[in-house]
Protein backbone atom coordinates (compact mmCIF):
# COMPACT_ATOMS: atom_id res chain seq x y z
CA MET A 1 22.59 -1.58 16.52
CA TYR A 2 19.72 -0.24 18.58
CA ASN A 3 19.22 -2.83 21.27
CA LYS A 4 15.80 -1.60 22.05
CA HIS A 5 12.42 -2.91 22.35
CA ILE A 6 8.96 -1.64 20.74
CA HIS A 7 5.30 -2.83 20.17
CA ILE A 8 3.78 -2.88 16.72
CA ILE A 9 0.06 -3.38 16.36
CA ALA A 10 -0.60 -4.71 12.85
CA PHE A 11 -4.24 -4.01 11.23
CA ASP A 12 -3.94 -7.37 9.40
CA LEU A 13 -1.69 -10.26 9.19
CA PRO A 14 1.71 -9.13 7.62
CA PHE A 15 2.67 -12.49 6.49
CA PRO A 16 2.29 -13.31 3.46
CA PRO A 17 3.13 -10.03 1.94
CA ASN A 18 0.67 -10.39 -0.68
CA TYR A 19 -0.90 -6.79 -0.70
CA GLY A 20 0.40 -3.12 -0.07
CA GLY A 21 -0.39 -2.95 3.45
CA SER A 22 0.94 -6.36 4.49
CA THR A 23 3.90 -5.65 2.31
CA ASP A 24 4.81 -2.65 3.98
CA MET A 25 4.26 -3.97 7.61
CA PHE A 26 6.33 -7.11 7.03
CA PHE A 27 9.36 -5.55 5.37
CA LYS A 28 9.28 -3.13 7.90
CA ILE A 29 9.62 -5.79 10.55
CA VAL A 30 12.24 -7.40 8.92
CA ALA A 31 14.47 -4.01 8.31
CA LEU A 32 13.70 -3.15 12.01
CA LYS A 33 14.88 -6.46 13.17
CA LYS A 34 18.29 -6.12 11.23
CA LEU A 35 18.82 -2.91 12.99
CA GLY A 36 18.76 -5.00 16.36
CA ILE A 37 15.59 -3.72 17.75
CA SER A 38 13.49 -6.18 19.38
CA ILE A 39 9.72 -6.24 18.56
CA THR A 40 6.43 -7.52 20.21
CA LEU A 41 4.02 -7.80 17.66
CA HIS A 42 0.41 -7.71 17.99
CA VAL A 43 -1.78 -8.84 15.03
CA PHE A 44 -5.69 -8.48 14.54
CA LEU A 45 -6.61 -11.90 12.56
CA TYR A 46 -9.61 -12.10 10.45
CA GLY A 47 -10.77 -13.32 6.99
CA GLY A 48 -9.95 -16.88 7.72
CA LYS A 49 -6.53 -16.14 8.01
CA GLU A 50 -4.20 -18.39 10.24
CA PRO A 51 -1.30 -17.63 12.49
CA SER A 52 1.93 -17.59 10.78
CA LEU A 53 5.21 -19.72 11.65
CA GLU A 54 7.22 -17.24 9.34
CA LEU A 55 6.13 -14.26 11.11
CA GLN A 56 7.01 -15.66 14.27
CA ASN A 57 10.71 -15.86 13.00
CA GLU A 58 10.93 -12.35 12.57
CA VAL A 59 9.85 -11.15 16.11
CA ASP A 60 10.35 -11.86 19.75
CA SER A 61 6.95 -12.14 20.96
CA LEU A 62 3.54 -12.57 18.82
CA TYR A 63 0.16 -12.13 19.84
CA TYR A 64 -3.15 -12.54 17.76
CA TYR A 65 -6.56 -10.95 18.47
CA PRO A 66 -9.78 -11.51 16.80
CA ARG A 67 -11.38 -8.73 14.71
CA LYS A 68 -14.81 -8.19 16.29
CA LYS A 69 -17.96 -8.31 14.55
CA ARG A 70 -19.94 -5.23 14.46
CA ASN A 71 -22.89 -3.65 12.94
CA PRO A 72 -20.90 -1.45 10.28
CA PHE A 73 -23.60 1.29 10.48
CA ALA A 74 -23.88 1.63 14.21
CA GLY A 75 -21.69 3.80 16.30
CA THR A 76 -19.89 7.17 15.70
CA THR A 77 -16.24 5.46 16.04
CA PRO A 78 -15.06 4.09 12.48
CA TYR A 79 -15.91 0.60 12.00
CA ILE A 80 -12.12 -0.24 11.17
CA VAL A 81 -11.39 1.22 14.50
CA ARG A 82 -14.13 -0.15 16.53
CA THR A 83 -13.66 -3.97 15.06
CA ARG A 84 -10.00 -3.75 16.46
CA SER A 85 -10.46 -2.91 20.13
CA SER A 86 -8.97 -5.28 22.52
CA LYS A 87 -8.45 -5.02 26.59
CA LYS A 88 -6.14 -7.94 26.55
CA LEU A 89 -4.00 -5.98 24.00
CA LEU A 90 -4.13 -2.78 26.09
CA ASN A 91 -3.14 -4.80 29.22
CA ARG A 92 0.07 -6.18 27.29
CA LEU A 93 1.11 -2.65 26.40
CA LEU A 94 0.72 -1.44 29.92
CA GLU A 95 3.38 -4.16 30.82
CA ASP A 96 6.19 -1.95 29.88
CA SER A 97 6.90 1.57 28.87
CA ASP A 98 8.21 0.90 25.65
CA PRO A 99 7.42 2.90 22.23
CA ILE A 100 4.42 1.74 20.11
CA LEU A 101 3.92 1.80 16.07
CA PHE A 102 0.27 1.83 15.37
CA GLU A 103 -0.19 0.50 11.94
CA GLY A 104 -2.91 2.83 10.38
CA LEU A 105 -5.75 4.58 12.32
CA HIS A 106 -7.31 1.01 12.19
CA THR A 107 -5.27 0.20 15.41
CA THR A 108 -5.73 3.40 17.63
CA TRP A 109 -8.54 2.24 19.76
CA CYS A 110 -6.41 2.58 22.85
CA VAL A 111 -4.19 5.76 21.60
CA GLU A 112 -5.96 8.03 23.85
CA ASP A 113 -5.78 6.00 27.10
CA PRO A 114 -4.56 8.15 29.91
CA ARG A 115 -2.33 5.26 30.97
CA LEU A 116 -0.05 5.20 27.80
CA LYS A 117 -0.01 9.31 27.84
CA ASP A 118 3.85 9.31 28.39
CA ARG A 119 4.59 6.53 25.93
CA VAL A 120 6.16 7.23 22.65
CA LYS A 121 3.22 6.53 20.41
CA ILE A 122 4.01 6.66 16.40
CA VAL A 123 1.17 6.16 13.88
CA ARG A 124 1.78 4.76 10.29
CA ALA A 125 -0.15 6.63 8.04
CA HIS A 126 -1.08 4.31 5.03
CA ASN A 127 -3.64 6.52 3.61
CA VAL A 128 -5.36 9.74 4.50
CA GLU A 129 -8.17 7.45 5.44
CA HIS A 130 -11.26 9.56 5.20
CA ASN A 131 -10.18 10.31 1.29
CA TYR A 132 -9.59 6.74 0.80
CA TYR A 133 -12.94 5.59 1.88
CA GLU A 134 -14.57 8.67 -0.08
CA ALA A 135 -12.99 6.95 -3.21
CA LEU A 136 -14.09 3.53 -2.39
CA ALA A 137 -17.71 4.81 -2.14
CA MET A 138 -17.29 6.50 -5.74
CA ALA A 139 -15.95 3.02 -7.09
CA GLU A 140 -18.54 0.78 -5.64
CA GLU A 141 -21.74 -0.42 -7.14
CA ARG A 142 -23.68 -1.93 -4.37
CA ILE A 143 -25.64 0.64 -2.76
CA TRP A 144 -25.26 -0.92 0.73
CA LYS A 145 -21.56 -0.49 0.50
CA THR A 146 -21.58 2.88 -1.02
CA GLN A 147 -23.55 4.20 1.93
CA PHE A 148 -21.15 2.32 4.12
CA PHE A 149 -17.96 3.66 2.71
CA LYS A 150 -19.48 7.18 3.02
CA LEU A 151 -20.45 6.99 6.47
CA GLU A 152 -17.14 5.67 7.31
CA ALA A 153 -15.61 8.44 5.62
CA LYS A 154 -17.34 10.83 7.95
CA ARG A 155 -16.43 8.92 10.92
CA LEU A 156 -12.65 8.69 9.81
CA LYS A 157 -12.44 12.46 9.04
CA TRP A 158 -13.90 13.11 12.73
CA TYR A 159 -12.02 10.44 14.35
CA GLU A 160 -8.52 11.49 12.96
CA GLN A 161 -8.22 14.21 15.60
CA VAL A 162 -6.90 11.23 17.62
CA LEU A 163 -3.23 12.15 16.05
CA ASN A 164 -3.22 15.16 18.26
CA SER A 165 -2.25 12.69 21.16
CA VAL A 166 0.79 10.86 19.42
CA GLN A 167 4.34 12.04 19.01
CA GLY A 168 4.60 11.21 15.43
CA ILE A 169 3.10 10.26 12.11
CA ALA A 170 5.06 8.32 9.51
CA ALA A 171 3.28 9.02 6.49
CA ILE A 172 3.86 6.65 3.45
CA SER A 173 3.98 9.03 0.53
CA PRO A 174 4.67 12.62 -0.27
CA LEU A 175 1.02 13.22 -1.02
CA GLU A 176 -0.01 11.87 2.40
CA THR A 177 2.86 13.71 4.14
CA ASP A 178 1.80 17.05 2.97
CA TYR A 179 -1.76 16.40 4.05
CA PHE A 180 -0.47 15.69 7.79
CA HIS A 181 2.20 18.06 8.10
CA LYS A 182 -0.74 20.70 7.09
CA GLU A 183 -2.91 19.13 9.78
CA TYR A 184 -0.61 18.17 12.54
CA GLY A 185 2.33 20.14 11.95
CA ASP A 186 6.23 18.84 12.40
CA LYS A 187 5.64 15.65 14.13
CA THR A 188 4.92 14.36 10.37
CA GLN A 189 7.72 12.52 8.45
CA TYR A 190 7.99 10.85 4.99
CA ILE A 191 8.87 7.28 5.79
CA PRO A 192 8.20 5.82 2.21
CA ALA A 193 6.72 2.19 1.57
CA PHE A 194 8.89 -0.90 2.69
CA HIS A 195 9.10 -3.45 0.16
CA THR A 196 10.28 -6.97 -0.94
CA HIS A 197 12.97 -5.47 -3.43
CA THR A 198 16.74 -5.27 -2.85
CA GLU A 199 17.85 -3.99 -6.33
CA ILE A 200 16.48 -3.34 -9.90
CA GLU A 201 15.68 -6.57 -11.69
CA SER A 202 14.21 -5.15 -14.87
CA LYS A 203 15.31 -7.01 -18.16
CA ILE A 204 16.66 -4.97 -21.05
CA GLY A 205 15.29 -5.30 -24.35
CA LYS A 206 11.77 -5.79 -25.65
CA GLY A 207 8.59 -7.59 -24.72
CA ASP A 208 5.83 -8.45 -26.77
CA PHE A 209 2.68 -7.30 -24.69
CA VAL A 210 1.14 -4.70 -22.29
CA LEU A 211 0.26 -5.67 -18.78
CA TYR A 212 -2.20 -4.31 -16.37
CA HIS A 213 -2.20 -6.15 -13.02
CA GLY A 214 -4.03 -6.14 -9.69
CA ASN A 215 -6.49 -7.82 -7.23
CA LEU A 216 -9.59 -7.53 -9.62
CA SER A 217 -11.96 -8.23 -6.84
CA VAL A 218 -11.10 -4.69 -5.64
CA PRO A 219 -13.78 -2.26 -7.23
CA GLU A 220 -10.87 0.46 -7.82
CA ASN A 221 -9.01 -2.21 -9.66
CA SER A 222 -11.75 -3.75 -11.99
CA ARG A 223 -12.92 -0.22 -12.56
CA ALA A 224 -9.41 0.71 -13.79
CA ALA A 225 -8.95 -2.80 -15.76
CA SER A 226 -12.53 -2.07 -17.39
CA TYR A 227 -11.41 1.47 -18.57
CA LEU A 228 -8.36 0.08 -19.89
CA VAL A 229 -9.87 -2.96 -21.74
CA ASN A 230 -12.78 -0.73 -23.21
CA GLU A 231 -11.26 2.65 -23.69
CA VAL A 232 -7.52 1.97 -24.69
CA PHE A 233 -6.75 -1.83 -25.18
CA SER A 234 -9.82 -2.13 -27.30
CA LYS A 235 -8.04 0.55 -29.85
CA LEU A 236 -4.45 -1.13 -29.88
CA GLN A 237 -3.11 -3.58 -32.41
CA VAL A 238 -0.61 -5.07 -29.64
CA PRO A 239 -1.36 -7.89 -27.32
CA CYS A 240 -2.86 -6.94 -24.13
CA VAL A 241 -2.88 -8.65 -20.81
CA ILE A 242 -5.23 -8.29 -17.85
CA ALA A 243 -4.09 -10.38 -14.60
CA GLY A 244 -5.50 -10.49 -11.27
CA SER A 245 -7.79 -12.39 -8.81
CA ASN A 246 -11.44 -12.91 -9.04
CA PRO A 247 -12.58 -10.67 -11.96
CA PRO A 248 -16.11 -9.65 -12.03
CA LYS A 249 -18.30 -11.08 -14.76
CA SER A 250 -18.74 -7.87 -16.52
CA LEU A 251 -15.04 -7.43 -16.94
CA VAL A 252 -14.68 -11.16 -18.29
CA GLN A 253 -17.31 -10.51 -20.91
CA SER A 254 -15.47 -7.02 -21.93
CA ILE A 255 -12.30 -8.97 -22.53
CA GLU A 256 -13.98 -11.77 -24.39
CA LYS A 257 -14.94 -9.10 -27.11
CA TYR A 258 -11.23 -8.72 -28.50
CA SER A 259 -9.10 -11.43 -29.53
CA HIS A 260 -5.93 -9.21 -28.91
CA ILE A 261 -6.74 -8.90 -24.96
CA LYS A 262 -6.26 -12.17 -22.92
CA LEU A 263 -7.04 -12.58 -19.08
CA ARG A 264 -5.06 -14.27 -16.72
CA ALA A 265 -7.32 -14.96 -13.56
CA ASN A 266 -6.23 -16.23 -10.21
CA ILE A 267 -2.68 -17.14 -10.95
CA SER A 268 0.14 -17.40 -8.29
CA THR A 269 2.19 -14.35 -7.17
CA GLU A 270 5.01 -16.09 -9.05
CA GLU A 271 3.44 -15.81 -12.39
CA ILE A 272 2.16 -12.35 -11.90
CA LEU A 273 5.73 -11.21 -11.14
CA SER A 274 6.76 -13.06 -14.21
CA LEU A 275 4.28 -11.30 -16.44
CA ILE A 276 5.52 -7.93 -15.10
CA ALA A 277 9.13 -8.92 -15.60
CA ASN A 278 8.10 -10.24 -19.26
CA ALA A 279 5.78 -7.32 -20.39
CA HIS A 280 7.06 -4.75 -22.92
CA ILE A 281 4.89 -2.11 -20.80
CA ASN A 282 3.52 -2.07 -17.49
CA LEU A 283 0.15 0.10 -17.69
CA LEU A 284 -0.86 1.21 -14.33
CA VAL A 285 -4.00 3.31 -14.09
CA THR A 286 -6.03 4.26 -10.77
CA PHE A 287 -8.89 6.92 -9.83
CA GLN A 288 -7.75 7.19 -6.09
CA SER A 289 -4.63 9.48 -5.38
CA THR A 290 -3.90 7.61 -2.20
CA GLY A 291 -0.92 5.97 -0.44
CA ILE A 292 1.63 4.52 -2.81
CA LYS A 293 0.77 1.56 -5.04
CA LEU A 294 2.52 -1.70 -4.38
CA LYS A 295 2.15 -2.70 -7.91
CA LEU A 296 3.92 0.61 -9.23
CA LEU A 297 6.84 -0.54 -6.86
CA ASN A 298 6.81 -3.93 -8.54
CA SER A 299 6.58 -2.78 -11.99
CA ILE A 300 9.61 -0.21 -11.43
CA TYR A 301 11.90 -2.85 -9.62
CA LYS A 302 11.09 -5.81 -11.97
CA GLY A 303 9.37 -4.48 -15.37
CA ARG A 304 10.52 -2.50 -18.25
CA PHE A 305 8.63 0.62 -19.44
CA VAL A 306 6.18 1.86 -16.97
CA MET A 307 2.98 3.84 -18.09
CA ALA A 308 0.56 5.49 -15.68
CA ASN A 309 -2.20 8.21 -15.13
CA SER A 310 -1.38 10.91 -12.98
CA PRO A 311 -3.38 9.90 -9.99
CA MET A 312 -1.02 6.73 -9.92
CA VAL A 313 1.97 8.83 -9.85
CA GLN A 314 0.88 11.99 -8.38
CA GLU A 315 3.49 13.12 -5.35
CA THR A 316 5.19 9.72 -5.32
CA GLY A 317 8.42 10.99 -6.32
CA LEU A 318 8.43 8.37 -9.16
CA GLU A 319 6.92 10.47 -11.68
CA ASP A 320 10.05 10.99 -13.78
CA LEU A 321 10.34 6.99 -14.23
CA CYS A 322 6.88 6.75 -15.61
CA SER A 323 5.31 7.81 -18.94
CA VAL A 324 2.22 9.48 -18.02
CA GLY A 325 -0.99 10.13 -19.94
CA ASN A 326 -4.51 10.62 -18.67
CA THR A 327 -6.86 10.34 -21.68
CA PRO A 328 -7.35 6.95 -23.89
CA LYS A 329 -6.00 8.77 -26.68
CA GLU A 330 -2.73 9.74 -25.03
CA LEU A 331 -2.51 6.40 -23.41
CA ALA A 332 -2.75 4.55 -26.67
CA GLY A 333 -0.37 6.91 -28.12
CA LEU A 334 2.36 6.29 -25.54
CA VAL A 335 1.89 2.36 -25.99
CA GLN A 336 2.63 2.72 -29.75
CA GLU A 337 5.38 4.92 -29.03
CA LEU A 338 7.19 2.66 -26.41
CA PHE A 339 6.44 -0.45 -28.70
CA SER A 340 8.99 1.02 -30.93
CA LYS A 341 11.62 1.26 -28.44
CA GLU A 342 13.87 -0.99 -26.49
CA PHE A 343 14.47 -0.92 -22.72
CA THR A 344 18.07 -0.47 -22.01
CA SER A 345 20.75 -0.24 -19.41
CA GLU A 346 20.49 3.68 -19.38
CA HIS A 347 16.76 2.98 -17.95
CA ILE A 348 17.91 0.65 -15.20
CA ALA A 349 20.52 3.31 -14.28
CA GLN A 350 18.21 5.89 -14.09
CA ARG A 351 15.96 3.74 -11.56
CA TYR A 352 19.04 2.72 -9.47
CA ALA A 353 19.95 6.29 -8.94
CA ARG A 354 16.21 7.26 -8.00
CA MET A 355 15.44 4.07 -5.80
CA SER A 356 18.47 3.14 -4.11
CA ASP A 357 18.02 5.97 -1.35
CA THR A 358 14.58 7.07 -1.21
CA PHE A 359 12.94 3.51 -1.13
CA SER A 360 15.83 1.99 0.79
CA ASN A 361 14.33 -0.22 3.39
CA GLU A 362 17.78 0.06 5.72
CA ILE A 363 17.73 3.72 5.43
CA ASN A 364 13.64 4.10 6.12
CA ALA A 365 14.09 1.89 9.06
CA LYS A 366 16.55 4.02 10.49
CA LYS A 367 14.64 6.87 10.40
CA LEU A 368 11.46 5.33 11.63
CA ALA A 369 13.88 4.03 14.71
CA LEU A 370 14.79 7.59 15.39
CA MET A 371 11.30 8.44 15.79
CA LEU A 372 10.37 5.30 17.98
CA LEU A 373 13.45 5.33 20.16
CA PHE A 374 14.32 8.83 20.22
CA ASN A 375 11.33 10.76 19.44
CA ARG A 376 13.05 12.53 16.65
CA VAL A 377 11.40 13.80 13.48
CA SER A 378 13.67 15.05 10.89
CA GLY A 379 10.75 16.74 8.73
CA ARG A 380 9.35 16.17 5.70
């Protein structure tokens, strides 16, 4: 359709799409390719990950760069930016004059280089990064990590001014859109998260358990799981399941106290999706109002009833598709109420009406293409 070429700089390997950031990047690439856009993809590779053959099939050119090791406490440039600098990458960008999509502040090391001043440069804002790192500091129990997250938040808040040098900011949720619009004006546009789903797959009827799922090695998720186990699930009589990878020992010990709470640790993505589909309630809580959570989209597209606290759904546009509670008493009461109800075709129709436009990968790829290829931002 567009027959144009762009560069995308990815802060991490987009395939497999097994967490929010990689999912957004991978399905964005797929959707842009379907529009006829050719893509040169630049990927920072780290954490023992290997180059992806599947990713090669989705782009025209693919280059990998090692993420550098640096002292996390040194320097004024954010660690997430400083470790993703590459002169090779910059030289490849300078080989043409085509638009560049920077995935997150992470990849903007060269965004102010004077040799790129005439390029169309769009930043995909996955979070308000300094807010995200402040929240990480609050959730972290290790002192040195807390100190690092606090320092990184300060560096990111100062560094964010580089966004003055770009033509557009593609914000991932209404919450982020409002922030960036206030700070940087009309160059900001809401481009919802790209995802794997093409239709609502929720099952009608009833399930027989409540599910919380997430990567349990992430402090935010283990904190949420511990909260649910100790403050909510412990008060219920219905079966409850906590699912996710690498749970901390303290969470395992808490779950072992209750016969009606089960832990499903280190299971496959397919097993996680099966649990989401078969649960009666997907209960999601977070203590960070940042971005949009992939687990929320997965639960709406594949699950039955979705329950959440306000930070999970705040400013996502999905509030009316979820039952919201913010105290243990409210959450326990909602579980008991929903367990007496069946999930119906009317619930599915409501989801179709909401998700078919706002979260359409095709529609959102077209919006992003207008930003990149024609420097057009249609507003919030």
